[in-house]
C-alpha atoms as a PDB file:
ATOM      1  CA  MET A   1      28.221  20.372  44.262  1.00  0.00           C
ATOM      2  CA  ARG A   2      29.736  23.310  42.441  1.00  0.00           C
ATOM      3  CA  ASN A   3      30.664  21.124  39.473  1.00  0.00           C
ATOM      4  CA  ILE A   4      27.112  19.821  39.189  1.00  0.00           C
ATOM      5  CA  LEU A   5      25.713  23.363  39.267  1.00  0.00           C
ATOM      6  CA  MET A   6      28.116  24.515  36.570  1.00  0.00           C
ATOM      7  CA  THR A   7      27.208  21.523  34.402  1.00  0.00           C
ATOM      8  CA  VAL A   8      23.484  22.153  34.767  1.00  0.00           C
ATOM      9  CA  MET A   9      23.899  25.843  33.992  1.00  0.00           C
ATOM     10  CA  LEU A  10      25.978  25.028  30.913  1.00  0.00           C
ATOM     11  CA  LEU A  11      23.313  22.611  29.677  1.00  0.00           C
ATOM     12  CA  VAL A  12      20.621  25.253  30.156  1.00  0.00           C
ATOM     13  CA  VAL A  13      22.650  27.765  28.148  1.00  0.00           C
ATOM     14  CA  VAL A  14      23.186  25.239  25.346  1.00  0.00           C
ATOM     15  CA  ILE A  15      19.472  24.439  25.206  1.00  0.00           C
ATOM     16  CA  VAL A  16      18.525  28.121  25.105  1.00  0.00           C
ATOM     17  CA  LEU A  17      21.059  28.840  22.361  1.00  0.00           C
ATOM     18  CA  PHE A  18      19.862  25.858  20.327  1.00  0.00           C
ATOM     19  CA  ASN A  19      16.253  26.996  20.581  1.00  0.00           C
ATOM     20  CA  SER A  20      17.045  30.578  19.669  1.00  0.00           C
ATOM     21  CA  ILE A  21      19.438  29.862  16.783  1.00  0.00           C
ATOM     22  CA  ILE A  22      18.579  26.508  15.230  1.00  0.00           C
ATOM     23  CA  ALA A  23      14.978  25.683  16.021  1.00  0.00           C
ATOM     24  CA  GLN A  24      13.316  29.090  15.688  1.00  0.00           C
ATOM     25  CA  ASP A  25      10.194  28.850  13.513  1.00  0.00           C
ATOM     26  CA  THR A  26      10.721  31.479  10.813  1.00  0.00           C
ATOM     27  CA  THR A  27      14.319  32.660  11.028  1.00  0.00           C
ATOM     28  CA  GLY A  28      16.073  29.625  12.453  1.00  0.00           C
ATOM     29  CA  THR A  29      18.762  27.732  10.620  1.00  0.00           C
ATOM     30  CA  SER A  30      16.573  24.686  10.029  1.00  0.00           C
ATOM     31  CA  SER A  31      13.841  26.762   8.352  1.00  0.00           C
ATOM     32  CA  GLN A  32      16.427  28.514   6.185  1.00  0.00           C
ATOM     33  CA  ILE A  33      17.855  25.155   5.107  1.00  0.00           C
ATOM     34  CA  GLN A  34      14.328  23.950   4.337  1.00  0.00           C
ATOM     35  CA  SER A  35      13.524  27.010   2.215  1.00  0.00           C
ATOM     36  CA  GLN A  36      16.823  26.775   0.318  1.00  0.00           C
ATOM     37  CA  GLY A  37      16.183  23.077  -0.331  1.00  0.00           C
ATOM     38  CA  ASP A  38      12.696  23.844  -1.608  1.00  0.00           C
ATOM     39  CA  ALA A  39      14.099  26.514  -3.926  1.00  0.00           C
ATOM     40  CA  ALA A  40      16.748  24.099  -5.227  1.00  0.00           C
ATOM     41  CA  ASN A  41      14.133  21.398  -5.834  1.00  0.00           C
ATOM     42  CA  THR A  42      11.991  23.880  -7.766  1.00  0.00           C
ATOM     43  CA  ARG A  43      14.923  24.954  -9.940  1.00  0.00           C
ATOM     44  CA  ILE A  44      15.922  21.339 -10.609  1.00  0.00           C
ATOM     45  CA  SER A  45      12.372  20.389 -11.553  1.00  0.00           C
ATOM     46  CA  GLN A  46      12.191  23.301 -14.006  1.00  0.00           C
ATOM     47  CA  LEU A  47      15.279  22.206 -15.940  1.00  0.00           C
ATOM     48  CA  VAL A  48      14.572  21.141 -19.491  1.00  0.00           C
ATOM     49  CA  PRO A  49      16.511  18.046 -20.575  1.00  0.00           C
END
């Protein structure tokens, strides 16, 4: 029973950390990657061959 409780608590902590670090709307890692990718695409499209 104790092992199950510890496992459930660990999963809850992982989910909370994921939501607060990775999936946050404006300052999360995924939005930063998206904005950097957009900036790179803009720079690449502005290159003159």
